PDB file of N, CA and C in Angstrom:
ATOM      1  N   MET A   1      87.287 124.164  68.673  1.00  0.00           N
ATOM      2  CA  MET A   1      88.684 124.255  68.290  1.00  0.00           C
ATOM      3  C   MET A   1      89.421 123.076  68.897  1.00  0.00           C
ATOM      4  N   HIS A   2      90.277 122.464  68.165  1.00  0.00           N
ATOM      5  CA  HIS A   2      91.079 121.362  68.692  1.00  0.00           C
ATOM      6  C   HIS A   2      92.557 121.677  68.547  1.00  0.00           C
ATOM      7  N   THR A   3      93.349 120.984  69.331  1.00  0.00           N
ATOM      8  CA  THR A   3      94.792 121.180  69.303  1.00  0.00           C
ATOM      9  C   THR A   3      95.434 120.152  68.376  1.00  0.00           C
ATOM     10  N   GLN A   4      96.547 120.513  67.796  1.00  0.00           N
ATOM     11  CA  GLN A   4      97.277 119.599  66.933  1.00  0.00           C
ATOM     12  C   GLN A   4      98.144 118.633  67.731  1.00  0.00           C
ATOM     13  N   THR A   5      98.313 118.887  69.018  1.00  0.00           N
ATOM     14  CA  THR A   5      99.142 118.029  69.860  1.00  0.00           C
ATOM     15  C   THR A   5      98.389 117.653  71.138  1.00  0.00           C
ATOM     16  N   PRO A   6      97.357 116.835  71.019  1.00  0.00           N
ATOM     17  CA  PRO A   6      96.610 116.455  72.223  1.00  0.00           C
ATOM     18  C   PRO A   6      97.427 115.520  73.108  1.00  0.00           C
ATOM     19  N   ARG A   7      97.095 115.506  74.363  1.00  0.00           N
ATOM     20  CA  ARG A   7      97.717 114.570  75.308  1.00  0.00           C
ATOM     21  C   ARG A   7      97.051 113.212  75.108  1.00  0.00           C
ATOM     22  N   LEU A   8      97.820 112.189  74.806  1.00  0.00           N
ATOM     23  CA  LEU A   8      97.298 110.857  74.556  1.00  0.00           C
ATOM     24  C   LEU A   8      97.082 110.126  75.874  1.00  0.00           C
ATOM     25  N   LEU A   9      95.898 109.579  76.039  1.00  0.00           N
ATOM     26  CA  LEU A   9      95.590 108.777  77.222  1.00  0.00           C
ATOM     27  C   LEU A   9      95.790 107.316  76.855  1.00  0.00           C
ATOM     28  N   ALA A  10      96.896 106.760  77.281  1.00  0.00           N
ATOM     29  CA  ALA A  10      97.286 105.413  76.866  1.00  0.00           C
ATOM     30  C   ALA A  10      96.734 104.311  77.760  1.00  0.00           C
ATOM     31  N   ASN A  11      96.322 104.644  78.952  1.00  0.00           N
ATOM     32  CA  ASN A  11      95.904 103.615  79.909  1.00  0.00           C
ATOM     33  C   ASN A  11      94.517 103.883  80.481  1.00  0.00           C
ATOM     34  N   ILE A  12      93.552 104.203  79.634  1.00  0.00           N
ATOM     35  CA  ILE A  12      92.222 104.492  80.154  1.00  0.00           C
ATOM     36  C   ILE A  12      91.638 103.257  80.831  1.00  0.00           C
ATOM     37  N   MET A  13      90.791 103.508  81.789  1.00  0.00           N
ATOM     38  CA  MET A  13      90.167 102.434  82.551  1.00  0.00           C
ATOM     39  C   MET A  13      88.663 102.656  82.583  1.00  0.00           C
ATOM     40  N   LEU A  14      87.941 101.575  82.708  1.00  0.00           N
ATOM     41  CA  LEU A  14      86.498 101.636  82.884  1.00  0.00           C
ATOM     42  C   LEU A  14      86.166 101.098  84.266  1.00  0.00           C
ATOM     43  N   GLN A  15      85.189 101.730  84.888  1.00  0.00           N
ATOM     44  CA  GLN A  15      84.685 101.199  86.146  1.00  0.00           C
ATOM     45  C   GLN A  15      83.192 101.442  86.210  1.00  0.00           C
ATOM     46  N   ARG A  16      82.515 100.597  86.917  1.00  0.00           N
ATOM     47  CA  ARG A  16      81.084 100.804  87.114  1.00  0.00           C
ATOM     48  C   ARG A  16      80.856 101.126  88.576  1.00  0.00           C
ATOM     49  N   PHE A  17      79.791 101.865  88.813  1.00  0.00           N
ATOM     50  CA  PHE A  17      79.443 102.176  90.197  1.00  0.00           C
ATOM     51  C   PHE A  17      77.964 102.453  90.291  1.00  0.00           C
ATOM     52  N   SER A  18      77.438 102.276  91.451  1.00  0.00           N
ATOM     53  CA  SER A  18      76.034 102.534  91.722  1.00  0.00           C
ATOM     54  C   SER A  18      75.921 103.905  92.377  1.00  0.00           C
ATOM     55  N   ALA A  19      75.174 104.791  91.726  1.00  0.00           N
ATOM     56  CA  ALA A  19      74.966 106.129  92.270  1.00  0.00           C
ATOM     57  C   ALA A  19      73.672 106.143  93.074  1.00  0.00           C
ATOM     58  N   SER A  20      73.717 106.696  94.238  1.00  0.00           N
ATOM     59  CA  SER A  20      72.544 106.731  95.109  1.00  0.00           C
ATOM     60  C   SER A  20      71.349 107.349  94.385  1.00  0.00           C
ATOM     61  N   GLU A  21      70.277 106.586  94.294  1.00  0.00           N
ATOM     62  CA  GLU A  21      69.029 106.990  93.642  1.00  0.00           C
ATOM     63  C   GLU A  21      69.210 107.371  92.176  1.00  0.00           C
ATOM     64  N   ASP A  22      70.280 106.867  91.530  1.00  0.00           N
ATOM     65  CA  ASP A  22      70.513 107.179  90.117  1.00  0.00           C
ATOM     66  C   ASP A  22      70.971 105.962  89.324  1.00  0.00           C
ATOM     67  N   GLY A  23      70.887 104.765  89.891  1.00  0.00           N
ATOM     68  CA  GLY A  23      71.184 103.549  89.152  1.00  0.00           C
ATOM     69  C   GLY A  23      72.669 103.271  88.980  1.00  0.00           C
ATOM     70  N   MET A  24      72.956 102.370  88.039  1.00  0.00           N
ATOM     71  CA  MET A  24      74.329 101.948  87.765  1.00  0.00           C
ATOM     72  C   MET A  24      74.927 102.827  86.673  1.00  0.00           C
ATOM     73  N   HIS A  25      76.146 103.261  86.883  1.00  0.00           N
ATOM     74  CA  HIS A  25      76.869 104.094  85.925  1.00  0.00           C
ATOM     75  C   HIS A  25      78.135 103.361  85.489  1.00  0.00           C
ATOM     76  N   VAL A  26      78.682 103.762  84.347  1.00  0.00           N
ATOM     77  CA  VAL A  26      80.007 103.335  83.910  1.00  0.00           C
ATOM     78  C   VAL A  26      80.820 104.598  83.681  1.00  0.00           C
ATOM     79  N   GLU A  27      82.056 104.597  84.184  1.00  0.00           N
ATOM     80  CA  GLU A  27      82.934 105.753  84.041  1.00  0.00           C
ATOM     81  C   GLU A  27      84.180 105.384  83.261  1.00  0.00           C
ATOM     82  N   LEU A  28      84.671 106.338  82.489  1.00  0.00           N
ATOM     83  CA  LEU A  28      85.953 106.226  81.806  1.00  0.00           C
ATOM     84  C   LEU A  28      86.927 107.113  82.573  1.00  0.00           C
ATOM     85  N   LEU A  29      88.002 106.497  83.064  1.00  0.00           N
ATOM     86  CA  LEU A  29      89.013 107.200  83.858  1.00  0.00           C
ATOM     87  C   LEU A  29      90.311 107.276  83.084  1.00  0.00           C
ATOM     88  N   GLU A  30      91.080 108.327  83.327  1.00  0.00           N
ATOM     89  CA  GLU A  30      92.388 108.466  82.678  1.00  0.00           C
ATOM     90  C   GLU A  30      93.322 107.338  83.098  1.00  0.00           C
ATOM     91  N   SER A  31      93.340 107.014  84.376  1.00  0.00           N
ATOM     92  CA  SER A  31      94.174 105.930  84.896  1.00  0.00           C
ATOM     93  C   SER A  31      93.753 105.670  86.331  1.00  0.00           C
ATOM     94  N   LYS A  32      94.304 104.625  86.918  1.00  0.00           N
ATOM     95  CA  LYS A  32      93.987 104.344  88.321  1.00  0.00           C
ATOM     96  C   LYS A  32      94.550 105.416  89.247  1.00  0.00           C
ATOM     97  N   ASP A  33      95.538 106.165  88.774  1.00  0.00           N
ATOM     98  CA  ASP A  33      96.125 107.240  89.566  1.00  0.00           C
ATOM     99  C   ASP A  33      95.339 108.544  89.469  1.00  0.00           C
ATOM    100  N   SER A  34      94.396 108.597  88.546  1.00  0.00           N
ATOM    101  CA  SER A  34      93.569 109.792  88.345  1.00  0.00           C
ATOM    102  C   SER A  34      92.102 109.387  88.495  1.00  0.00           C
ATOM    103  N   PRO A  35      91.574 109.428  89.709  1.00  0.00           N
ATOM    104  CA  PRO A  35      90.248 108.867  89.972  1.00  0.00           C
ATOM    105  C   PRO A  35      89.069 109.680  89.442  1.00  0.00           C
ATOM    106  N   GLN A  36      89.285 110.918  89.033  1.00  0.00           N
ATOM    107  CA  GLN A  36      88.176 111.714  88.523  1.00  0.00           C
ATOM    108  C   GLN A  36      87.785 111.227  87.126  1.00  0.00           C
ATOM    109  N   PRO A  37      86.499 110.940  86.905  1.00  0.00           N
ATOM    110  CA  PRO A  37      86.089 110.433  85.585  1.00  0.00           C
ATOM    111  C   PRO A  37      86.175 111.509  84.513  1.00  0.00           C
ATOM    112  N   LEU A  38      86.504 111.078  83.300  1.00  0.00           N
ATOM    113  CA  LEU A  38      86.469 111.960  82.134  1.00  0.00           C
ATOM    114  C   LEU A  38      85.086 111.927  81.498  1.00  0.00           C
ATOM    115  N   ILE A  39      84.525 110.724  81.457  1.00  0.00           N
ATOM    116  CA  ILE A  39      83.215 110.495  80.841  1.00  0.00           C
ATOM    117  C   ILE A  39      82.431 109.550  81.729  1.00  0.00           C
ATOM    118  N   THR A  40      81.146 109.809  81.877  1.00  0.00           N
ATOM    119  CA  THR A  40      80.250 108.903  82.589  1.00  0.00           C
ATOM    120  C   THR A  40      79.104 108.536  81.670  1.00  0.00           C
ATOM    121  N   PHE A  41      78.736 107.270  81.682  1.00  0.00           N
ATOM    122  CA  PHE A  41      77.563 106.784  80.966  1.00  0.00           C
ATOM    123  C   PHE A  41      76.496 106.472  82.000  1.00  0.00           C
ATOM    124  N   ARG A  42      75.293 106.985  81.771  1.00  0.00           N
ATOM    125  CA  ARG A  42      74.199 106.799  82.729  1.00  0.00           C
ATOM    126  C   ARG A  42      72.891 106.654  81.967  1.00  0.00           C
ATOM    127  N   GLU A  43      71.866 106.253  82.675  1.00  0.00           N
ATOM    128  CA  GLU A  43      70.535 106.186  82.075  1.00  0.00           C
ATOM    129  C   GLU A  43      69.573 106.974  82.933  1.00  0.00           C
ATOM    130  N   ASP A  44      68.796 107.805  82.296  1.00  0.00           N
ATOM    131  CA  ASP A  44      67.818 108.651  82.957  1.00  0.00           C
ATOM    132  C   ASP A  44      66.423 108.115  82.639  1.00  0.00           C
ATOM    133  N   GLU A  45      65.520 108.176  83.607  1.00  0.00           N
ATOM    134  CA  GLU A  45      64.158 107.672  83.402  1.00  0.00           C
ATOM    135  C   GLU A  45      63.471 108.360  82.226  1.00  0.00           C
ATOM    136  N   ALA A  46      63.672 109.654  82.079  1.00  0.00           N
ATOM    137  CA  ALA A  46      62.985 110.409  81.023  1.00  0.00           C
ATOM    138  C   ALA A  46      63.804 110.518  79.737  1.00  0.00           C
ATOM    139  N   LEU A  47      65.123 110.663  79.858  1.00  0.00           N
ATOM    140  CA  LEU A  47      65.962 110.960  78.704  1.00  0.00           C
ATOM    141  C   LEU A  47      66.711 109.751  78.146  1.00  0.00           C
ATOM    142  N   GLY A  48      66.677 108.617  78.825  1.00  0.00           N
ATOM    143  CA  GLY A  48      67.342 107.413  78.339  1.00  0.00           C
ATOM    144  C   GLY A  48      68.839 107.429  78.590  1.00  0.00           C
ATOM    145  N   MET A  49      69.569 106.618  77.795  1.00  0.00           N
ATOM    146  CA  MET A  49      71.025 106.492  77.953  1.00  0.00           C
ATOM    147  C   MET A  49      71.711 107.794  77.558  1.00  0.00           C
ATOM    148  N   GLN A  50      72.639 108.229  78.410  1.00  0.00           N
ATOM    149  CA  GLN A  50      73.324 109.499  78.195  1.00  0.00           C
ATOM    150  C   GLN A  50      74.825 109.345  78.372  1.00  0.00           C
ATOM    151  N   VAL A  51      75.536 110.265  77.754  1.00  0.00           N
ATOM    152  CA  VAL A  51      76.972 110.432  77.943  1.00  0.00           C
ATOM    153  C   VAL A  51      77.160 111.756  78.674  1.00  0.00           C
ATOM    154  N   LEU A  52      77.938 111.753  79.741  1.00  0.00           N
ATOM    155  CA  LEU A  52      78.279 112.984  80.448  1.00  0.00           C
ATOM    156  C   LEU A  52      79.770 113.222  80.278  1.00  0.00           C
ATOM    157  N   LEU A  53      80.117 114.347  79.668  1.00  0.00           N
ATOM    158  CA  LEU A  53      81.520 114.764  79.558  1.00  0.00           C
ATOM    159  C   LEU A  53      81.797 115.702  80.721  1.00  0.00           C
ATOM    160  N   HIS A  54      82.783 115.365  81.520  1.00  0.00           N
ATOM    161  CA  HIS A  54      83.132 116.177  82.680  1.00  0.00           C
ATOM    162  C   HIS A  54      84.200 117.178  82.257  1.00  0.00           C
ATOM    163  N   ILE A  55      83.819 118.452  82.201  1.00  0.00           N
ATOM    164  CA  ILE A  55      84.734 119.514  81.790  1.00  0.00           C
ATOM    165  C   ILE A  55      84.870 120.523  82.919  1.00  0.00           C
ATOM    166  N   GLN A  56      85.786 121.459  82.774  1.00  0.00           N
ATOM    167  CA  GLN A  56      86.043 122.441  83.835  1.00  0.00           C
ATOM    168  C   GLN A  56      84.805 123.231  84.228  1.00  0.00           C
ATOM    169  N   ASP A  57      83.991 123.602  83.266  1.00  0.00           N
ATOM    170  CA  ASP A  57      82.836 124.457  83.544  1.00  0.00           C
ATOM    171  C   ASP A  57      81.616 123.685  84.025  1.00  0.00           C
ATOM    172  N   GLY A  58      81.717 122.374  84.174  1.00  0.00           N
ATOM    173  CA  GLY A  58      80.586 121.550  84.590  1.00  0.00           C
ATOM    174  C   GLY A  58      80.453 120.359  83.658  1.00  0.00           C
ATOM    175  N   ASP A  59      79.326 119.702  83.706  1.00  0.00           N
ATOM    176  CA  ASP A  59      79.113 118.521  82.876  1.00  0.00           C
ATOM    177  C   ASP A  59      78.293 118.856  81.640  1.00  0.00           C
ATOM    178  N   LEU A  60      78.639 118.193  80.518  1.00  0.00           N
ATOM    179  CA  LEU A  60      77.843 118.260  79.298  1.00  0.00           C
ATOM    180  C   LEU A  60      77.192 116.903  79.118  1.00  0.00           C
ATOM    181  N   ALA A  61      75.889 116.871  78.871  1.00  0.00           N
ATOM    182  CA  ALA A  61      75.180 115.609  78.698  1.00  0.00           C
ATOM    183  C   ALA A  61      74.531 115.569  77.322  1.00  0.00           C
ATOM    184  N   PHE A  62      74.581 114.379  76.693  1.00  0.00           N
ATOM    185  CA  PHE A  62      73.871 114.170  75.433  1.00  0.00           C
ATOM    186  C   PHE A  62      73.548 112.689  75.299  1.00  0.00           C
ATOM    187  N   ALA A  63      72.678 112.376  74.376  1.00  0.00           N
ATOM    188  CA  ALA A  63      72.208 111.008  74.209  1.00  0.00           C
ATOM    189  C   ALA A  63      73.328 110.091  73.725  1.00  0.00           C
ATOM    190  N   LEU A  64      73.403 108.901  74.292  1.00  0.00           N
ATOM    191  CA  LEU A  64      74.375 107.905  73.849  1.00  0.00           C
ATOM    192  C   LEU A  64      74.167 107.591  72.373  1.00  0.00           C
ATOM    193  N   ALA A  65      72.929 107.592  71.916  1.00  0.00           N
ATOM    194  CA  ALA A  65      72.638 107.325  70.502  1.00  0.00           C
ATOM    195  C   ALA A  65      73.314 108.354  69.595  1.00  0.00           C
ATOM    196  N   ASP A  66      73.422 109.602  70.041  1.00  0.00           N
ATOM    197  CA  ASP A  66      74.108 110.625  69.247  1.00  0.00           C
ATOM    198  C   ASP A  66      75.599 110.333  69.139  1.00  0.00           C
ATOM    199  N   LEU A  67      76.218 109.868  70.230  1.00  0.00           N
ATOM    200  CA  LEU A  67      77.625 109.502  70.189  1.00  0.00           C
ATOM    201  C   LEU A  67      77.835 108.297  69.280  1.00  0.00           C
ATOM    202  N   GLU A  68      76.971 107.314  69.367  1.00  0.00           N
ATOM    203  CA  GLU A  68      77.082 106.135  68.511  1.00  0.00           C
ATOM    204  C   GLU A  68      76.949 106.517  67.038  1.00  0.00           C
ATOM    205  N   ARG A  69      76.033 107.423  66.753  1.00  0.00           N
ATOM    206  CA  ARG A  69      75.846 107.895  65.371  1.00  0.00           C
ATOM    207  C   ARG A  69      77.094 108.645  64.887  1.00  0.00           C
ATOM    208  N   ALA A  70      77.684 109.462  65.751  1.00  0.00           N
ATOM    209  CA  ALA A  70      78.895 110.202  65.398  1.00  0.00           C
ATOM    210  C   ALA A  70      80.064 109.247  65.153  1.00  0.00           C
ATOM    211  N   ILE A  71      80.177 108.195  65.950  1.00  0.00           N
ATOM    212  CA  ILE A  71      81.253 107.219  65.761  1.00  0.00           C
ATOM    213  C   ILE A  71      81.097 106.510  64.428  1.00  0.00           C
ATOM    214  N   GLU A  72      79.910 106.088  64.095  1.00  0.00           N
ATOM    215  CA  GLU A  72      79.676 105.416  62.812  1.00  0.00           C
ATOM    216  C   GLU A  72      79.991 106.347  61.640  1.00  0.00           C
ATOM    217  N   PHE A  73      79.599 107.615  61.738  1.00  0.00           N
ATOM    218  CA  PHE A  73      79.891 108.597  60.696  1.00  0.00           C
ATOM    219  C   PHE A  73      81.400 108.809  60.584  1.00  0.00           C
ATOM    220  N   ALA A  74      82.075 108.918  61.741  1.00  0.00           N
ATOM    221  CA  ALA A  74      83.532 109.115  61.748  1.00  0.00           C
ATOM    222  C   ALA A  74      84.254 107.941  61.098  1.00  0.00           C
ATOM    223  N   LYS A  75      83.785 106.726  61.326  1.00  0.00           N
ATOM    224  CA  LYS A  75      84.419 105.548  60.716  1.00  0.00           C
ATOM    225  C   LYS A  75      84.375 105.624  59.194  1.00  0.00           C
ATOM    226  N   LEU A  76      83.350 106.251  58.660  1.00  0.00           N
ATOM    227  CA  LEU A  76      83.220 106.385  57.207  1.00  0.00           C
ATOM    228  C   LEU A  76      83.994 107.569  56.644  1.00  0.00           C
ATOM    229  N   GLU A  77      84.136 108.634  57.404  1.00  0.00           N
ATOM    230  CA  GLU A  77      84.625 109.898  56.861  1.00  0.00           C
ATOM    231  C   GLU A  77      86.003 110.348  57.314  1.00  0.00           C
ATOM    232  N   VAL A  78      86.444 109.963  58.487  1.00  0.00           N
ATOM    233  CA  VAL A  78      87.701 110.479  59.030  1.00  0.00           C
ATOM    234  C   VAL A  78      88.880 109.745  58.399  1.00  0.00           C
ATOM    235  N   ARG A  79      89.852 110.507  57.911  1.00  0.00           N
ATOM    236  CA  ARG A  79      91.042 109.953  57.269  1.00  0.00           C
ATOM    237  C   ARG A  79      92.283 110.742  57.723  1.00  0.00           C
ATOM    238  N   LYS A  80      93.405 110.055  57.814  1.00  0.00           N
ATOM    239  CA  LYS A  80      94.663 110.742  58.108  1.00  0.00           C
ATOM    240  C   LYS A  80      95.088 111.524  56.872  1.00  0.00           C
ATOM    241  N   GLU A  81      95.962 112.494  57.061  1.00  0.00           N
ATOM    242  CA  GLU A  81      96.361 113.400  55.971  1.00  0.00           C
ATOM    243  C   GLU A  81      96.960 112.647  54.794  1.00  0.00           C
ATOM    244  N   SER A  82      97.742 111.602  55.037  1.00  0.00           N
ATOM    245  CA  SER A  82      98.399 110.868  53.944  1.00  0.00           C
ATOM    246  C   SER A  82      97.396 110.177  53.025  1.00  0.00           C
ATOM    247  N   PHE A  83      96.176 109.990  53.457  1.00  0.00           N
ATOM    248  CA  PHE A  83      95.135 109.393  52.628  1.00  0.00           C
ATOM    249  C   PHE A  83      94.909 110.224  51.354  1.00  0.00           C
ATOM    250  N   TYR A  84      95.088 111.541  51.483  1.00  0.00           N
ATOM    251  CA  TYR A  84      94.792 112.456  50.369  1.00  0.00           C
ATOM    252  C   TYR A  84      96.001 112.713  49.478  1.00  0.00           C
ATOM    253  N   GLY A  85      97.151 112.173  49.815  1.00  0.00           N
ATOM    254  CA  GLY A  85      98.379 112.450  49.059  1.00  0.00           C
ATOM    255  C   GLY A  85      98.651 111.474  47.964  1.00  0.00           C
TER     256      GLY A  85
END
């Protein structure tokens, strides 16, 4: 379920960091004033490149390739309402 009035993140930031025994990560942050990451990109020895969504109930992980595929599909299919008028 999605909301019709989401909070827009206008100043997202990217940062990279080295996680102990887990390699280099890239994080997407809401702003420099909000240091908790929203999304982390990492690579796992067995599972490859992953996206981690940080949500209240814990982290959700899935393959970066799945996100890339979804973005390409969205570029072809997603339209604003006025497109149909």
